[in-house]
Amino acid sequence: MDRSELLAQLQALVDRIDGLAERSRRLQEENRSLRQQQETLASERAALLAKNEQARARVEAMIARLKSLEQHT
């Protein structure tokens, strides 16, 4: 193998390493973004579950009051 072939192979290797480094950087950024989205969705889910529980408790209280009124009439 002559020197020009070695240099060409070395340049190809450098190019491939640069490409892999860029891909790794993009994947890390995407991963960071997905983790942030997951945290946001988890917070939204917790808030919705709390609202749902509050609504359920209010409905149960109304039903209990209606039953109480029904029994007194």
C-alpha atoms as a PDB file:
ATOM      1  CA  MET A   1       0.000   0.000   0.000  1.00  0.00           C
ATOM      2  CA  ASP A   2       1.456   3.343  -0.937  1.00  0.00           C
ATOM      3  CA  ARG A   3       1.319   6.546   1.012  1.00  0.00           C
ATOM      4  CA  SER A   4      -1.612   8.083  -0.907  1.00  0.00           C
ATOM      5  CA  GLU A   5      -3.756   5.005  -0.235  1.00  0.00           C
ATOM      6  CA  LEU A   6      -2.910   5.163   3.472  1.00  0.00           C
ATOM      7  CA  LEU A   7      -3.753   8.872   3.569  1.00  0.00           C
ATOM      8  CA  ALA A   8      -7.038   8.220   1.780  1.00  0.00           C
ATOM      9  CA  GLN A   9      -7.937   5.477   4.261  1.00  0.00           C
ATOM     10  CA  LEU A  10      -6.936   7.677   7.166  1.00  0.00           C
ATOM     11  CA  GLN A  11      -9.075  10.542   5.825  1.00  0.00           C
ATOM     12  CA  ALA A  12     -12.012   8.163   5.367  1.00  0.00           C
ATOM     13  CA  LEU A  13     -11.585   7.031   8.963  1.00  0.00           C
ATOM     14  CA  VAL A  14     -11.422  10.631  10.201  1.00  0.00           C
ATOM     15  CA  ASP A  15     -14.566  11.454   8.210  1.00  0.00           C
ATOM     16  CA  ARG A  16     -16.377   8.454   9.669  1.00  0.00           C
ATOM     17  CA  ILE A  17     -15.324   9.366  13.224  1.00  0.00           C
ATOM     18  CA  ASP A  18     -16.508  12.947  12.661  1.00  0.00           C
ATOM     19  CA  GLY A  19     -19.839  11.632  11.385  1.00  0.00           C
ATOM     20  CA  LEU A  20     -20.231   9.338  14.374  1.00  0.00           C
ATOM     21  CA  ALA A  21     -19.376  12.159  16.778  1.00  0.00           C
ATOM     22  CA  GLU A  22     -22.022  14.383  15.161  1.00  0.00           C
ATOM     23  CA  ARG A  23     -24.582  11.587  15.272  1.00  0.00           C
ATOM     24  CA  SER A  24     -23.787  11.017  18.947  1.00  0.00           C
ATOM     25  CA  ARG A  25     -24.258  14.731  19.662  1.00  0.00           C
ATOM     26  CA  ARG A  26     -27.634  14.769  17.876  1.00  0.00           C
ATOM     27  CA  LEU A  27     -28.783  11.657  19.734  1.00  0.00           C
ATOM     28  CA  GLN A  28     -27.768  13.144  23.082  1.00  0.00           C
ATOM     29  CA  GLU A  29     -29.739  16.301  22.293  1.00  0.00           C
ATOM     30  CA  GLU A  30     -32.750  14.272  21.177  1.00  0.00           C
ATOM     31  CA  ASN A  31     -32.514  12.169  24.335  1.00  0.00           C
ATOM     32  CA  ARG A  32     -32.390  15.313  26.488  1.00  0.00           C
ATOM     33  CA  SER A  33     -35.437  16.701  24.689  1.00  0.00           C
ATOM     34  CA  LEU A  34     -37.375  13.449  25.078  1.00  0.00           C
ATOM     35  CA  ARG A  35     -36.575  13.293  28.794  1.00  0.00           C
ATOM     36  CA  GLN A  36     -37.839  16.849  29.205  1.00  0.00           C
ATOM     37  CA  GLN A  37     -41.038  15.986  27.322  1.00  0.00           C
ATOM     38  CA  GLN A  38     -41.487  12.913  29.499  1.00  0.00           C
ATOM     39  CA  GLU A  39     -41.146  15.002  32.669  1.00  0.00           C
ATOM     40  CA  THR A  40     -43.669  17.531  31.349  1.00  0.00           C
ATOM     41  CA  LEU A  41     -46.143  14.801  30.437  1.00  0.00           C
ATOM     42  CA  ALA A  42     -45.718  13.127  33.818  1.00  0.00           C
ATOM     43  CA  SER A  43     -46.447  16.443  35.566  1.00  0.00           C
ATOM     44  CA  GLU A  44     -49.496  17.041  33.387  1.00  0.00           C
ATOM     45  CA  ARG A  45     -50.710  13.510  34.083  1.00  0.00           C
ATOM     46  CA  ALA A  46     -50.327  13.991  37.835  1.00  0.00           C
ATOM     47  CA  ALA A  47     -52.286  17.251  37.670  1.00  0.00           C
ATOM     48  CA  LEU A  48     -55.051  15.604  35.633  1.00  0.00           C
ATOM     49  CA  LEU A  49     -55.243  12.687  38.056  1.00  0.00           C
ATOM     50  CA  ALA A  50     -55.578  15.120  40.958  1.00  0.00           C
ATOM     51  CA  LYS A  51     -58.358  17.044  39.167  1.00  0.00           C
ATOM     52  CA  ASN A  52     -60.097  13.776  38.369  1.00  0.00           C
ATOM     53  CA  GLU A  53     -59.931  12.729  42.024  1.00  0.00           C
ATOM     54  CA  GLN A  54     -61.339  16.092  43.127  1.00  0.00           C
ATOM     55  CA  ALA A  55     -64.191  15.800  40.629  1.00  0.00           C
ATOM     56  CA  ARG A  56     -64.931  12.254  41.772  1.00  0.00           C
ATOM     57  CA  ALA A  57     -65.028  13.367  45.402  1.00  0.00           C
ATOM     58  CA  ARG A  58     -67.414  16.243  44.551  1.00  0.00           C
ATOM     59  CA  VAL A  59     -69.721  13.933  42.592  1.00  0.00           C
ATOM     60  CA  GLU A  60     -69.754  11.419  45.449  1.00  0.00           C
ATOM     61  CA  ALA A  61     -70.555  14.226  47.914  1.00  0.00           C
ATOM     62  CA  MET A  62     -73.420  15.440  45.709  1.00  0.00           C
ATOM     63  CA  ILE A  63     -74.797  11.917  45.435  1.00  0.00           C
ATOM     64  CA  ALA A  64     -74.637  11.539  49.207  1.00  0.00           C
ATOM     65  CA  ARG A  65     -76.455  14.874  49.688  1.00  0.00           C
ATOM     66  CA  LEU A  66     -79.124  13.890  47.159  1.00  0.00           C
ATOM     67  CA  LYS A  67     -79.663  10.558  48.894  1.00  0.00           C
ATOM     68  CA  SER A  68     -79.910  12.371  52.222  1.00  0.00           C
ATOM     69  CA  LEU A  69     -82.472  14.817  50.835  1.00  0.00           C
ATOM     70  CA  GLU A  70     -84.409  11.967  49.285  1.00  0.00           C
ATOM     71  CA  GLN A  71     -84.603  10.164  52.625  1.00  0.00           C
ATOM     72  CA  HIS A  72     -85.830  13.280  54.472  1.00  0.00           C
ATOM     73  CA  THR A  73     -88.691  13.921  52.082  1.00  0.00           C
END
